[in-house]
């Protein structure tokens, strides 16, 4: 990694954007990198738009503010497209990853994007099939590491397993479903 990688997650409260940012950050720390992972939301209620952020670097990170010029933007809820400027401040050659059943070219056209790399993953479908409810955060995490290579798949799986085993000790189906969701999204993410 040549420079600091900045990621901005867009979602709605309750979709797990904060958790995805934390899981990614904790996994990269295990590889010896420095990271920040934090949410940005106000007093809104469940379902309100929110953001979460990651900074990842080989060197200590001294910035302590929201990410305004992300290299990567992950959108957990495609209904935000057109309502929230998810590409604001994004690098010209940045990566946009959207949870949708639509093809990347359709998203590019809808947002009138030039120069950015666009990827899509139907994270809601994956989570419904494997977890029984639309919780797109772990599938989005699998797709994000595929398109960025910021951490290896097995490194992410191992670290996420350890975190989930603490939280869902008596619910092994939740652990297995989330790990399968990461793997499936890693394989199914679509590029333009």
N, C-alpha and C. Protein backbone atom coordinates (compact mmCIF):
# COMPACT_ATOMS: atom_id res chain seq x y z
N UNK A 1 0.86 -1.17 0.00
CA UNK A 1 0.00 0.00 0.00
C UNK A 1 0.91 1.23 0.00
N UNK A 2 0.81 2.05 -1.05
CA UNK A 2 1.68 3.20 -1.19
C UNK A 2 1.28 4.34 -0.28
N UNK A 3 0.01 4.62 -0.16
CA UNK A 3 -0.47 5.74 0.63
C UNK A 3 -1.62 5.28 1.51
N UNK A 4 -2.18 6.23 2.21
CA UNK A 4 -3.31 5.90 3.06
C UNK A 4 -4.55 5.66 2.19
N UNK A 5 -5.27 4.58 2.47
CA UNK A 5 -6.51 4.27 1.78
C UNK A 5 -7.66 4.78 2.64
N UNK A 6 -8.51 5.61 2.04
CA UNK A 6 -9.67 6.13 2.76
C UNK A 6 -10.94 5.57 2.13
N UNK A 7 -11.82 5.05 2.98
CA UNK A 7 -13.07 4.42 2.55
C UNK A 7 -14.22 5.10 3.26
N UNK A 8 -15.27 5.39 2.49
CA UNK A 8 -16.49 5.94 3.09
C UNK A 8 -17.63 4.98 2.80
N UNK A 9 -18.34 4.59 3.85
CA UNK A 9 -19.48 3.69 3.76
C UNK A 9 -20.76 4.53 3.89
N UNK A 10 -21.73 4.31 2.99
CA UNK A 10 -23.03 4.97 3.08
C UNK A 10 -24.08 3.89 3.31
N UNK A 11 -24.92 4.11 4.29
CA UNK A 11 -25.99 3.16 4.56
C UNK A 11 -27.07 3.83 5.37
N UNK A 12 -27.92 3.03 5.91
CA UNK A 12 -28.95 3.51 6.83
C UNK A 12 -28.67 2.89 8.19
N UNK A 13 -29.02 3.62 9.22
CA UNK A 13 -28.79 3.09 10.56
C UNK A 13 -29.49 1.75 10.70
N UNK A 14 -28.75 0.77 11.21
CA UNK A 14 -29.30 -0.57 11.39
C UNK A 14 -28.87 -1.55 10.31
N UNK A 15 -28.20 -1.08 9.25
CA UNK A 15 -27.76 -1.98 8.18
C UNK A 15 -26.37 -2.54 8.41
N UNK A 16 -25.66 -2.02 9.40
CA UNK A 16 -24.37 -2.58 9.74
C UNK A 16 -23.16 -1.92 9.09
N UNK A 17 -23.29 -0.69 8.59
CA UNK A 17 -22.14 0.00 7.99
C UNK A 17 -21.03 0.21 9.04
N UNK A 18 -21.43 0.60 10.23
CA UNK A 18 -20.44 0.79 11.31
C UNK A 18 -19.74 -0.53 11.61
N UNK A 19 -20.49 -1.61 11.71
CA UNK A 19 -19.91 -2.92 12.00
C UNK A 19 -18.97 -3.36 10.89
N UNK A 20 -19.37 -3.14 9.64
CA UNK A 20 -18.51 -3.50 8.51
C UNK A 20 -17.19 -2.74 8.58
N UNK A 21 -17.26 -1.44 8.85
CA UNK A 21 -16.04 -0.63 8.95
C UNK A 21 -15.14 -1.14 10.08
N UNK A 22 -15.74 -1.49 11.22
CA UNK A 22 -14.96 -1.99 12.35
C UNK A 22 -14.34 -3.36 12.04
N UNK A 23 -15.12 -4.25 11.42
CA UNK A 23 -14.59 -5.58 11.08
C UNK A 23 -13.43 -5.47 10.09
N UNK A 24 -13.57 -4.61 9.09
CA UNK A 24 -12.49 -4.41 8.14
C UNK A 24 -11.26 -3.84 8.84
N UNK A 25 -11.47 -2.83 9.64
CA UNK A 25 -10.35 -2.20 10.35
C UNK A 25 -9.61 -3.16 11.25
N UNK A 26 -10.35 -3.95 12.00
CA UNK A 26 -9.72 -4.90 12.91
C UNK A 26 -8.97 -5.99 12.15
N UNK A 27 -9.48 -6.38 10.99
CA UNK A 27 -8.78 -7.41 10.19
C UNK A 27 -7.46 -6.86 9.64
N UNK A 28 -7.45 -5.60 9.19
CA UNK A 28 -6.20 -5.06 8.64
C UNK A 28 -5.16 -4.82 9.73
N UNK A 29 -5.60 -4.52 10.93
CA UNK A 29 -4.66 -4.36 12.05
C UNK A 29 -3.89 -5.66 12.28
N UNK A 30 -4.58 -6.78 12.10
CA UNK A 30 -3.93 -8.08 12.29
C UNK A 30 -2.82 -8.33 11.27
N UNK A 31 -2.81 -7.57 10.18
CA UNK A 31 -1.76 -7.72 9.17
C UNK A 31 -0.62 -6.73 9.39
N UNK A 32 -0.68 -5.96 10.48
CA UNK A 32 0.40 -5.03 10.81
C UNK A 32 0.20 -3.61 10.33
N UNK A 33 -0.97 -3.32 9.75
CA UNK A 33 -1.25 -1.97 9.27
C UNK A 33 -1.91 -1.15 10.38
N UNK A 34 -1.94 0.14 10.17
CA UNK A 34 -2.64 1.06 11.06
C UNK A 34 -4.02 1.31 10.46
N UNK A 35 -4.99 1.60 11.32
CA UNK A 35 -6.34 1.84 10.81
C UNK A 35 -7.12 2.75 11.73
N UNK A 36 -8.16 3.32 11.12
CA UNK A 36 -9.21 4.01 11.86
C UNK A 36 -10.53 3.47 11.31
N UNK A 37 -11.51 3.35 12.17
CA UNK A 37 -12.85 2.93 11.77
C UNK A 37 -13.83 3.60 12.72
N UNK A 38 -14.76 4.39 12.15
CA UNK A 38 -15.69 5.11 13.01
C UNK A 38 -16.93 5.53 12.22
N UNK A 39 -18.06 5.69 12.93
CA UNK A 39 -19.31 6.09 12.27
C UNK A 39 -19.49 7.61 12.35
N UNK A 40 -20.45 8.09 11.56
CA UNK A 40 -20.83 9.50 11.58
C UNK A 40 -22.35 9.55 11.41
N UNK A 41 -23.03 9.77 12.51
CA UNK A 41 -24.48 9.93 12.42
C UNK A 41 -24.93 10.82 13.56
N UNK A 42 -26.06 11.43 13.36
CA UNK A 42 -26.61 12.32 14.37
C UNK A 42 -27.62 11.60 15.22
N UNK A 43 -28.57 12.33 15.75
CA UNK A 43 -29.57 11.75 16.63
C UNK A 43 -30.71 11.05 15.89
N UNK A 44 -30.50 10.78 14.60
CA UNK A 44 -31.56 10.18 13.79
C UNK A 44 -31.94 8.80 14.32
N UNK A 45 -33.04 8.33 13.82
CA UNK A 45 -33.56 7.03 14.24
C UNK A 45 -33.14 5.93 13.27
N UNK A 46 -33.47 4.70 13.61
CA UNK A 46 -33.21 3.54 12.77
C UNK A 46 -33.72 3.81 11.36
N UNK A 47 -32.88 3.53 10.37
CA UNK A 47 -33.27 3.73 8.98
C UNK A 47 -32.84 5.05 8.38
N UNK A 48 -32.33 5.96 9.21
CA UNK A 48 -31.87 7.25 8.69
C UNK A 48 -30.50 7.08 8.01
N UNK A 49 -30.21 7.89 6.98
CA UNK A 49 -28.90 7.80 6.33
C UNK A 49 -27.77 8.07 7.32
N UNK A 50 -26.69 7.33 7.16
CA UNK A 50 -25.50 7.52 8.00
C UNK A 50 -24.27 7.16 7.19
N UNK A 51 -23.11 7.50 7.73
CA UNK A 51 -21.83 7.18 7.11
C UNK A 51 -20.92 6.52 8.14
N UNK A 52 -20.02 5.71 7.63
CA UNK A 52 -18.94 5.17 8.45
C UNK A 52 -17.67 5.31 7.62
N UNK A 53 -16.52 5.27 8.29
CA UNK A 53 -15.27 5.53 7.60
C UNK A 53 -14.18 4.54 8.01
N UNK A 54 -13.26 4.34 7.08
CA UNK A 54 -12.02 3.63 7.37
C UNK A 54 -10.87 4.44 6.80
N UNK A 55 -9.78 4.41 7.54
CA UNK A 55 -8.48 4.84 7.03
C UNK A 55 -7.53 3.70 7.30
N UNK A 56 -6.73 3.34 6.29
CA UNK A 56 -5.81 2.23 6.42
C UNK A 56 -4.46 2.69 5.87
N UNK A 57 -3.40 2.42 6.63
CA UNK A 57 -2.09 2.90 6.23
C UNK A 57 -0.99 2.00 6.80
N UNK A 58 0.16 2.03 6.14
CA UNK A 58 1.33 1.35 6.69
C UNK A 58 1.99 2.18 7.78
N UNK A 59 1.65 3.45 7.86
CA UNK A 59 2.22 4.38 8.82
C UNK A 59 1.15 4.86 9.79
N UNK A 60 1.55 5.35 10.97
CA UNK A 60 0.56 5.88 11.91
C UNK A 60 -0.32 6.95 11.24
N UNK A 61 -1.57 7.00 11.61
CA UNK A 61 -2.54 7.93 11.03
C UNK A 61 -2.76 9.07 12.02
N UNK A 62 -2.55 10.28 11.56
CA UNK A 62 -2.65 11.44 12.43
C UNK A 62 -3.86 12.33 12.13
N UNK A 63 -4.66 11.94 11.16
CA UNK A 63 -5.88 12.68 10.81
C UNK A 63 -7.02 12.19 11.70
N UNK A 64 -7.82 13.11 12.20
CA UNK A 64 -8.96 12.73 13.05
C UNK A 64 -10.20 13.49 12.64
N UNK A 65 -10.68 13.19 11.44
CA UNK A 65 -11.89 13.82 10.92
C UNK A 65 -12.56 12.83 9.97
N UNK A 66 -13.75 13.18 9.51
CA UNK A 66 -14.44 12.33 8.55
C UNK A 66 -13.67 12.27 7.24
N UNK A 67 -13.93 11.25 6.46
CA UNK A 67 -13.26 11.08 5.17
C UNK A 67 -14.00 11.94 4.13
N UNK A 68 -13.29 12.90 3.54
CA UNK A 68 -13.91 13.78 2.56
C UNK A 68 -13.44 13.49 1.13
N UNK A 69 -12.33 12.78 0.97
CA UNK A 69 -11.81 12.44 -0.36
C UNK A 69 -11.54 10.94 -0.45
N UNK A 70 -12.59 10.12 -0.42
CA UNK A 70 -12.39 8.68 -0.38
C UNK A 70 -11.88 8.11 -1.70
N UNK A 71 -11.05 7.12 -1.61
CA UNK A 71 -10.64 6.34 -2.78
C UNK A 71 -11.71 5.28 -3.07
N UNK A 72 -12.40 4.84 -2.01
CA UNK A 72 -13.43 3.81 -2.13
C UNK A 72 -14.70 4.28 -1.43
N UNK A 73 -15.84 4.09 -2.09
CA UNK A 73 -17.14 4.36 -1.50
C UNK A 73 -17.97 3.09 -1.60
N UNK A 74 -18.50 2.64 -0.48
CA UNK A 74 -19.37 1.46 -0.43
C UNK A 74 -20.77 1.93 -0.02
N UNK A 75 -21.76 1.59 -0.83
CA UNK A 75 -23.15 2.00 -0.59
C UNK A 75 -23.97 0.77 -0.24
N UNK A 76 -24.40 0.69 1.02
CA UNK A 76 -25.15 -0.47 1.49
C UNK A 76 -26.62 -0.43 1.10
N UNK A 77 -27.13 0.75 0.75
CA UNK A 77 -28.54 0.90 0.42
C UNK A 77 -28.67 1.73 -0.85
N UNK A 78 -29.03 1.08 -1.95
CA UNK A 78 -29.09 1.79 -3.24
C UNK A 78 -30.18 2.84 -3.30
N UNK A 79 -31.13 2.84 -2.35
CA UNK A 79 -32.14 3.90 -2.34
C UNK A 79 -31.53 5.25 -1.98
N UNK A 80 -30.31 5.24 -1.50
CA UNK A 80 -29.62 6.51 -1.20
C UNK A 80 -29.11 7.18 -2.48
N UNK A 81 -28.94 6.40 -3.55
CA UNK A 81 -28.44 6.97 -4.81
C UNK A 81 -29.44 8.00 -5.32
N UNK A 82 -28.95 9.19 -5.59
CA UNK A 82 -29.82 10.27 -6.03
C UNK A 82 -30.37 11.11 -4.89
N UNK A 83 -30.34 10.57 -3.68
CA UNK A 83 -30.79 11.32 -2.50
C UNK A 83 -29.61 11.87 -1.72
N UNK A 84 -28.52 11.11 -1.73
CA UNK A 84 -27.28 11.49 -1.06
C UNK A 84 -26.19 11.47 -2.12
N UNK A 85 -25.35 12.48 -2.16
CA UNK A 85 -24.27 12.50 -3.14
C UNK A 85 -23.15 11.59 -2.64
N UNK A 86 -23.28 10.30 -2.94
CA UNK A 86 -22.33 9.31 -2.43
C UNK A 86 -20.95 9.46 -3.05
N UNK A 87 -20.86 10.11 -4.20
CA UNK A 87 -19.56 10.27 -4.87
C UNK A 87 -18.88 11.60 -4.53
N UNK A 88 -19.46 12.38 -3.65
CA UNK A 88 -18.89 13.68 -3.29
C UNK A 88 -17.45 13.52 -2.81
N UNK A 89 -16.54 14.28 -3.43
CA UNK A 89 -15.14 14.27 -3.03
C UNK A 89 -14.36 13.04 -3.43
N UNK A 90 -15.00 12.10 -4.09
CA UNK A 90 -14.37 10.83 -4.45
C UNK A 90 -13.26 11.05 -5.48
N UNK A 91 -12.18 10.29 -5.36
CA UNK A 91 -11.09 10.34 -6.33
C UNK A 91 -11.63 10.07 -7.73
N UNK A 92 -11.04 10.72 -8.72
CA UNK A 92 -11.45 10.52 -10.11
C UNK A 92 -11.32 9.05 -10.53
N UNK A 93 -10.29 8.38 -10.04
CA UNK A 93 -10.09 6.96 -10.37
C UNK A 93 -10.55 6.05 -9.24
N UNK A 94 -11.46 6.55 -8.41
CA UNK A 94 -11.93 5.81 -7.24
C UNK A 94 -12.81 4.61 -7.59
N UNK A 95 -13.16 3.89 -6.55
CA UNK A 95 -13.97 2.68 -6.65
C UNK A 95 -15.31 2.94 -5.97
N UNK A 96 -16.41 2.67 -6.70
CA UNK A 96 -17.75 2.76 -6.15
C UNK A 96 -18.32 1.35 -6.13
N UNK A 97 -18.70 0.88 -4.95
CA UNK A 97 -19.28 -0.44 -4.76
C UNK A 97 -20.70 -0.25 -4.23
N UNK A 98 -21.70 -0.79 -4.96
CA UNK A 98 -23.10 -0.56 -4.58
C UNK A 98 -23.82 -1.89 -4.38
N UNK A 99 -24.58 -1.96 -3.31
CA UNK A 99 -25.46 -3.10 -3.03
C UNK A 99 -26.72 -2.93 -3.89
N UNK A 100 -26.80 -3.69 -4.96
CA UNK A 100 -27.94 -3.61 -5.86
C UNK A 100 -27.98 -4.84 -6.75
N UNK A 101 -29.14 -5.11 -7.30
CA UNK A 101 -29.26 -6.19 -8.28
C UNK A 101 -28.94 -5.69 -9.68
N UNK A 102 -28.77 -4.39 -9.84
CA UNK A 102 -28.47 -3.80 -11.14
C UNK A 102 -27.00 -3.99 -11.52
N UNK A 103 -26.76 -3.98 -12.81
CA UNK A 103 -25.40 -4.11 -13.34
C UNK A 103 -24.61 -2.83 -13.09
N UNK A 104 -23.29 -2.92 -13.00
CA UNK A 104 -22.47 -1.72 -12.79
C UNK A 104 -22.72 -0.63 -13.83
N UNK A 105 -22.92 -1.00 -15.09
CA UNK A 105 -23.17 -0.01 -16.13
C UNK A 105 -24.43 0.80 -15.89
N UNK A 106 -25.45 0.16 -15.31
CA UNK A 106 -26.69 0.87 -14.99
C UNK A 106 -26.45 1.92 -13.90
N UNK A 107 -25.64 1.57 -12.92
CA UNK A 107 -25.31 2.52 -11.85
C UNK A 107 -24.49 3.67 -12.41
N UNK A 108 -23.51 3.35 -13.25
CA UNK A 108 -22.69 4.39 -13.88
C UNK A 108 -23.58 5.38 -14.63
N UNK A 109 -24.52 4.85 -15.41
CA UNK A 109 -25.42 5.69 -16.19
C UNK A 109 -26.33 6.52 -15.30
N UNK A 110 -26.90 5.90 -14.28
CA UNK A 110 -27.81 6.60 -13.37
C UNK A 110 -27.11 7.78 -12.69
N UNK A 111 -25.87 7.58 -12.27
CA UNK A 111 -25.13 8.63 -11.56
C UNK A 111 -24.30 9.50 -12.50
N UNK A 112 -24.31 9.18 -13.80
CA UNK A 112 -23.54 9.91 -14.81
C UNK A 112 -22.08 10.02 -14.41
N UNK A 113 -21.49 8.88 -14.13
CA UNK A 113 -20.10 8.83 -13.66
C UNK A 113 -19.13 8.71 -14.82
N UNK A 114 -18.00 9.35 -14.66
CA UNK A 114 -16.91 9.24 -15.61
C UNK A 114 -15.64 8.91 -14.82
N UNK A 115 -14.86 7.98 -15.32
CA UNK A 115 -13.54 7.73 -14.75
C UNK A 115 -13.46 6.87 -13.52
N UNK A 116 -14.54 6.63 -12.86
CA UNK A 116 -14.50 5.81 -11.65
C UNK A 116 -14.76 4.34 -12.00
N UNK A 117 -14.26 3.45 -11.18
CA UNK A 117 -14.55 2.03 -11.35
C UNK A 117 -15.80 1.71 -10.55
N UNK A 118 -16.76 1.06 -11.20
CA UNK A 118 -18.05 0.78 -10.56
C UNK A 118 -18.23 -0.73 -10.45
N UNK A 119 -18.61 -1.16 -9.25
CA UNK A 119 -18.86 -2.57 -8.96
C UNK A 119 -20.22 -2.68 -8.28
N UNK A 120 -20.89 -3.82 -8.50
CA UNK A 120 -22.15 -4.06 -7.80
C UNK A 120 -22.16 -5.48 -7.23
N UNK A 121 -22.94 -5.62 -6.18
CA UNK A 121 -23.15 -6.91 -5.53
C UNK A 121 -24.56 -6.91 -4.96
N UNK A 122 -25.29 -7.98 -5.13
CA UNK A 122 -26.63 -8.06 -4.55
C UNK A 122 -26.50 -8.60 -3.13
N UNK A 123 -26.02 -7.73 -2.25
CA UNK A 123 -25.77 -8.11 -0.86
C UNK A 123 -27.06 -8.44 -0.11
N UNK A 124 -28.15 -7.77 -0.48
CA UNK A 124 -29.42 -8.09 0.18
C UNK A 124 -29.86 -9.51 -0.13
N UNK A 125 -29.74 -9.93 -1.39
CA UNK A 125 -30.12 -11.29 -1.76
C UNK A 125 -29.26 -12.32 -1.02
N UNK A 126 -27.97 -12.08 -1.00
CA UNK A 126 -27.05 -13.00 -0.31
C UNK A 126 -27.40 -13.11 1.16
N UNK A 127 -27.63 -11.97 1.81
CA UNK A 127 -27.93 -12.01 3.25
C UNK A 127 -29.30 -12.64 3.52
N UNK A 128 -30.27 -12.40 2.65
CA UNK A 128 -31.58 -13.05 2.82
C UNK A 128 -31.44 -14.56 2.72
N UNK A 129 -30.68 -15.02 1.74
CA UNK A 129 -30.51 -16.46 1.54
C UNK A 129 -29.73 -17.12 2.67
N UNK A 130 -28.72 -16.44 3.18
CA UNK A 130 -27.84 -17.07 4.17
C UNK A 130 -28.15 -16.70 5.62
N UNK A 131 -28.77 -15.53 5.84
CA UNK A 131 -29.04 -15.08 7.20
C UNK A 131 -30.52 -14.95 7.50
N UNK A 132 -31.34 -15.01 6.45
CA UNK A 132 -32.78 -14.92 6.65
C UNK A 132 -33.31 -13.51 6.79
N UNK A 133 -32.46 -12.51 6.60
CA UNK A 133 -32.90 -11.12 6.66
C UNK A 133 -31.93 -10.24 5.87
N UNK A 134 -32.40 -9.08 5.42
CA UNK A 134 -31.53 -8.21 4.62
C UNK A 134 -30.54 -7.43 5.49
N UNK A 135 -29.40 -8.01 5.71
CA UNK A 135 -28.33 -7.40 6.50
C UNK A 135 -27.09 -7.38 5.60
N UNK A 136 -26.90 -6.32 4.81
CA UNK A 136 -25.89 -6.33 3.75
C UNK A 136 -24.45 -6.12 4.18
N UNK A 137 -24.18 -5.90 5.44
CA UNK A 137 -22.82 -5.50 5.81
C UNK A 137 -21.75 -6.55 5.55
N UNK A 138 -21.96 -7.81 5.93
CA UNK A 138 -20.88 -8.78 5.70
C UNK A 138 -20.73 -9.13 4.21
N UNK A 139 -21.81 -9.23 3.42
CA UNK A 139 -21.57 -9.43 1.99
C UNK A 139 -20.82 -8.24 1.37
N UNK A 140 -21.16 -7.03 1.78
CA UNK A 140 -20.47 -5.85 1.25
C UNK A 140 -18.99 -5.89 1.62
N UNK A 141 -18.69 -6.39 2.79
CA UNK A 141 -17.30 -6.52 3.23
C UNK A 141 -16.54 -7.49 2.33
N UNK A 142 -17.15 -8.62 2.00
CA UNK A 142 -16.52 -9.57 1.10
C UNK A 142 -16.27 -8.98 -0.28
N UNK A 143 -17.25 -8.25 -0.80
CA UNK A 143 -17.09 -7.61 -2.12
C UNK A 143 -16.01 -6.53 -2.06
N UNK A 144 -15.98 -5.77 -0.97
CA UNK A 144 -15.01 -4.69 -0.86
C UNK A 144 -13.58 -5.21 -0.84
N UNK A 145 -13.32 -6.28 -0.12
CA UNK A 145 -11.94 -6.78 -0.11
C UNK A 145 -11.55 -7.39 -1.44
N UNK A 146 -12.54 -7.88 -2.20
CA UNK A 146 -12.24 -8.41 -3.53
C UNK A 146 -11.78 -7.27 -4.45
N UNK A 147 -12.48 -6.13 -4.42
CA UNK A 147 -12.17 -5.05 -5.35
C UNK A 147 -11.01 -4.16 -4.90
N UNK A 148 -10.64 -4.24 -3.63
CA UNK A 148 -9.54 -3.40 -3.14
C UNK A 148 -8.29 -4.20 -2.79
N UNK A 149 -8.43 -5.48 -2.46
CA UNK A 149 -7.32 -6.33 -2.01
C UNK A 149 -6.59 -5.73 -0.80
N UNK A 150 -7.33 -5.00 0.03
CA UNK A 150 -6.72 -4.37 1.20
C UNK A 150 -6.34 -5.40 2.27
N UNK A 151 -7.02 -6.53 2.25
CA UNK A 151 -6.72 -7.64 3.14
C UNK A 151 -7.15 -8.91 2.41
N UNK A 152 -6.50 -10.02 2.71
CA UNK A 152 -6.84 -11.28 2.06
C UNK A 152 -8.15 -11.86 2.57
N UNK A 153 -8.79 -12.65 1.74
CA UNK A 153 -10.07 -13.25 2.11
C UNK A 153 -9.94 -14.11 3.37
N UNK A 154 -8.95 -14.97 3.42
CA UNK A 154 -8.82 -15.85 4.59
C UNK A 154 -8.46 -15.08 5.85
N UNK A 155 -7.68 -14.02 5.70
CA UNK A 155 -7.37 -13.18 6.87
C UNK A 155 -8.64 -12.54 7.41
N UNK A 156 -9.48 -12.03 6.51
CA UNK A 156 -10.74 -11.42 6.93
C UNK A 156 -11.66 -12.47 7.56
N UNK A 157 -11.77 -13.63 6.92
CA UNK A 157 -12.63 -14.69 7.45
C UNK A 157 -12.19 -15.10 8.85
N UNK A 158 -10.90 -15.33 9.04
CA UNK A 158 -10.40 -15.76 10.35
C UNK A 158 -10.66 -14.72 11.43
N UNK A 159 -10.37 -13.45 11.11
CA UNK A 159 -10.56 -12.40 12.10
C UNK A 159 -12.05 -12.20 12.40
N UNK A 160 -12.88 -12.23 11.37
CA UNK A 160 -14.32 -12.05 11.56
C UNK A 160 -14.90 -13.21 12.36
N UNK A 161 -14.44 -14.42 12.10
CA UNK A 161 -14.90 -15.59 12.86
C UNK A 161 -14.64 -15.37 14.36
N UNK A 162 -13.43 -14.93 14.68
CA UNK A 162 -13.09 -14.69 16.11
C UNK A 162 -14.01 -13.65 16.73
N UNK A 163 -14.29 -12.58 15.99
CA UNK A 163 -15.17 -11.52 16.52
C UNK A 163 -16.59 -12.04 16.71
N UNK A 164 -17.10 -12.75 15.71
CA UNK A 164 -18.48 -13.25 15.78
C UNK A 164 -18.64 -14.33 16.84
N UNK A 165 -17.60 -15.14 17.06
CA UNK A 165 -17.69 -16.19 18.08
C UNK A 165 -17.85 -15.59 19.47
N UNK A 166 -17.31 -14.41 19.70
CA UNK A 166 -17.50 -13.74 20.99
C UNK A 166 -18.94 -13.23 21.14
N UNK A 167 -19.46 -12.64 20.07
CA UNK A 167 -20.78 -12.02 20.14
C UNK A 167 -21.92 -13.04 20.02
N UNK A 168 -21.73 -14.06 19.18
CA UNK A 168 -22.79 -15.03 18.90
C UNK A 168 -22.38 -16.43 19.32
N UNK A 169 -21.79 -16.52 20.50
CA UNK A 169 -21.27 -17.78 21.02
C UNK A 169 -22.28 -18.93 20.94
N UNK A 170 -23.54 -18.63 21.24
CA UNK A 170 -24.57 -19.68 21.28
C UNK A 170 -25.44 -19.68 20.02
N UNK A 171 -24.96 -19.04 18.95
CA UNK A 171 -25.72 -19.01 17.70
C UNK A 171 -24.78 -19.30 16.53
N UNK A 172 -24.29 -20.52 16.43
CA UNK A 172 -23.32 -20.87 15.38
C UNK A 172 -23.85 -20.65 13.97
N UNK A 173 -25.17 -20.70 13.79
CA UNK A 173 -25.74 -20.47 12.47
C UNK A 173 -25.53 -19.02 12.00
N UNK A 174 -25.51 -18.10 12.94
CA UNK A 174 -25.26 -16.69 12.60
C UNK A 174 -23.80 -16.52 12.16
N UNK A 175 -22.91 -17.17 12.87
CA UNK A 175 -21.48 -17.11 12.52
C UNK A 175 -21.27 -17.70 11.13
N UNK A 176 -21.77 -18.90 10.92
CA UNK A 176 -21.59 -19.59 9.64
C UNK A 176 -22.22 -18.81 8.49
N UNK A 177 -23.42 -18.27 8.71
CA UNK A 177 -24.10 -17.50 7.66
C UNK A 177 -23.33 -16.27 7.25
N UNK A 178 -22.79 -15.55 8.22
CA UNK A 178 -22.02 -14.34 7.91
C UNK A 178 -20.72 -14.67 7.18
N UNK A 179 -20.05 -15.73 7.59
CA UNK A 179 -18.81 -16.11 6.91
C UNK A 179 -19.09 -16.57 5.48
N UNK A 180 -20.19 -17.31 5.29
CA UNK A 180 -20.58 -17.72 3.94
C UNK A 180 -20.94 -16.49 3.10
N UNK A 181 -21.58 -15.51 3.70
CA UNK A 181 -21.96 -14.29 2.99
C UNK A 181 -20.73 -13.54 2.49
N UNK A 182 -19.69 -13.48 3.30
CA UNK A 182 -18.44 -12.84 2.89
C UNK A 182 -17.86 -13.58 1.68
N UNK A 183 -17.77 -14.89 1.77
CA UNK A 183 -17.21 -15.69 0.67
C UNK A 183 -18.03 -15.56 -0.61
N UNK A 184 -19.35 -15.64 -0.50
CA UNK A 184 -20.20 -15.54 -1.70
C UNK A 184 -20.06 -14.19 -2.38
N UNK A 185 -20.07 -13.13 -1.60
CA UNK A 185 -19.94 -11.80 -2.18
C UNK A 185 -18.58 -11.61 -2.83
N UNK A 186 -17.55 -12.17 -2.22
CA UNK A 186 -16.20 -12.11 -2.79
C UNK A 186 -16.21 -12.72 -4.19
N UNK A 187 -16.98 -13.79 -4.37
CA UNK A 187 -17.05 -14.48 -5.67
C UNK A 187 -18.02 -13.80 -6.64
N UNK A 188 -19.08 -13.20 -6.13
CA UNK A 188 -20.17 -12.73 -6.99
C UNK A 188 -20.11 -11.25 -7.36
N UNK A 189 -19.21 -10.48 -6.78
CA UNK A 189 -19.15 -9.05 -7.09
C UNK A 189 -18.95 -8.87 -8.58
N UNK A 190 -19.68 -7.91 -9.16
CA UNK A 190 -19.64 -7.68 -10.60
C UNK A 190 -18.93 -6.37 -10.93
N UNK A 191 -18.09 -6.43 -11.94
CA UNK A 191 -17.37 -5.25 -12.44
C UNK A 191 -17.94 -4.86 -13.78
N UNK A 192 -17.76 -3.62 -14.11
CA UNK A 192 -18.21 -3.13 -15.41
C UNK A 192 -17.27 -3.59 -16.50
